[in-house]
Amino acid sequence: MPALLERDGNGAITRVQLREIIRRQGLTGVGNDRLGAVLQELRNTDITTTRSTSR
């Protein structure tokens, strides 16, 4: 995921990037109705990780 963020120049994963990851990995069970929840969880994890490593 960090490579995608660097490639696209954004600090947080986008819906398009998440779809790309899901397709590449052949993951099932993550439809459009679940993307928002997954994105929110990923973004919360990123914030938590960033905060904990910056201390």
C-alpha atoms as a PDB file:
ATOM      1  CA  MET A   1       0.000   0.000   0.000  1.00  0.00           C
ATOM      2  CA  PRO A   2       2.785   2.533   0.689  1.00  0.00           C
ATOM      3  CA  ALA A   3       3.984   2.118  -2.897  1.00  0.00           C
ATOM      4  CA  LEU A   4       0.525   3.082  -4.199  1.00  0.00           C
ATOM      5  CA  LEU A   5       0.391   6.146  -1.985  1.00  0.00           C
ATOM      6  CA  GLU A   6       3.833   7.225  -3.116  1.00  0.00           C
ATOM      7  CA  ARG A   7       3.066   6.490  -6.765  1.00  0.00           C
ATOM      8  CA  ASP A   8      -0.126   8.548  -6.703  1.00  0.00           C
ATOM      9  CA  GLY A   9       1.212  11.251  -4.403  1.00  0.00           C
ATOM     10  CA  ASN A  10      -1.487  11.151  -1.761  1.00  0.00           C
ATOM     11  CA  GLY A  11      -1.240  10.676   1.993  1.00  0.00           C
ATOM     12  CA  ALA A  12      -4.301   8.476   2.501  1.00  0.00           C
ATOM     13  CA  ILE A  13      -5.604   5.558   0.486  1.00  0.00           C
ATOM     14  CA  THR A  14      -8.424   6.306  -1.900  1.00  0.00           C
ATOM     15  CA  ARG A  15     -11.383   4.203  -2.990  1.00  0.00           C
ATOM     16  CA  VAL A  16      -9.767   3.694  -6.414  1.00  0.00           C
ATOM     17  CA  GLN A  17      -6.515   2.494  -4.858  1.00  0.00           C
ATOM     18  CA  LEU A  18      -8.387   0.141  -2.538  1.00  0.00           C
ATOM     19  CA  ARG A  19     -10.258  -1.365  -5.495  1.00  0.00           C
ATOM     20  CA  GLU A  20      -6.924  -1.860  -7.264  1.00  0.00           C
ATOM     21  CA  ILE A  21      -5.503  -3.695  -4.248  1.00  0.00           C
ATOM     22  CA  ILE A  22      -8.603  -5.883  -3.950  1.00  0.00           C
ATOM     23  CA  ARG A  23      -8.428  -6.829  -7.648  1.00  0.00           C
ATOM     24  CA  ARG A  24      -4.681  -7.537  -7.534  1.00  0.00           C
ATOM     25  CA  GLN A  25      -5.043  -9.771  -4.500  1.00  0.00           C
ATOM     26  CA  GLY A  26      -8.105 -11.572  -5.831  1.00  0.00           C
ATOM     27  CA  LEU A  27     -10.023 -10.784  -2.652  1.00  0.00           C
ATOM     28  CA  THR A  28     -13.722 -11.482  -2.500  1.00  0.00           C
ATOM     29  CA  GLY A  29     -16.412 -10.300  -0.133  1.00  0.00           C
ATOM     30  CA  VAL A  30     -15.473  -6.616  -0.284  1.00  0.00           C
ATOM     31  CA  GLY A  31     -18.128  -5.052  -2.459  1.00  0.00           C
ATOM     32  CA  ASN A  32     -18.966  -1.401  -2.913  1.00  0.00           C
ATOM     33  CA  ASP A  33     -21.146  -1.498   0.182  1.00  0.00           C
ATOM     34  CA  ARG A  34     -18.111  -2.413   2.329  1.00  0.00           C
ATOM     35  CA  LEU A  35     -15.459  -0.170   0.750  1.00  0.00           C
ATOM     36  CA  GLY A  36     -16.348   2.810   2.934  1.00  0.00           C
ATOM     37  CA  ALA A  37     -15.956   0.811   6.131  1.00  0.00           C
ATOM     38  CA  VAL A  38     -12.667  -0.696   4.966  1.00  0.00           C
ATOM     39  CA  LEU A  39     -11.316   2.723   3.954  1.00  0.00           C
ATOM     40  CA  GLN A  40     -12.286   4.213   7.302  1.00  0.00           C
ATOM     41  CA  GLU A  41     -10.564   1.395   9.170  1.00  0.00           C
ATOM     42  CA  LEU A  42      -7.406   1.740   7.059  1.00  0.00           C
ATOM     43  CA  ARG A  43      -7.332   5.486   7.577  1.00  0.00           C
ATOM     44  CA  ASN A  44      -7.877   5.115  11.342  1.00  0.00           C
ATOM     45  CA  THR A  45      -5.058   2.573  11.492  1.00  0.00           C
ATOM     46  CA  ASP A  46      -2.787   4.941   9.558  1.00  0.00           C
ATOM     47  CA  ILE A  47      -3.537   7.814  11.942  1.00  0.00           C
ATOM     48  CA  THR A  48      -2.945   5.597  14.980  1.00  0.00           C
ATOM     49  CA  THR A  49       0.335   4.283  13.553  1.00  0.00           C
ATOM     50  CA  THR A  50       1.535   7.757  12.620  1.00  0.00           C
ATOM     51  CA  ARG A  51       0.701   9.137  16.041  1.00  0.00           C
ATOM     52  CA  SER A  52       2.324   6.255  17.913  1.00  0.00           C
ATOM     53  CA  THR A  53       5.557   6.391  15.902  1.00  0.00           C
ATOM     54  CA  SER A  54       5.932  10.152  16.155  1.00  0.00           C
ATOM     55  CA  ARG A  55       6.085  10.127  19.950  1.00  0.00           C
END
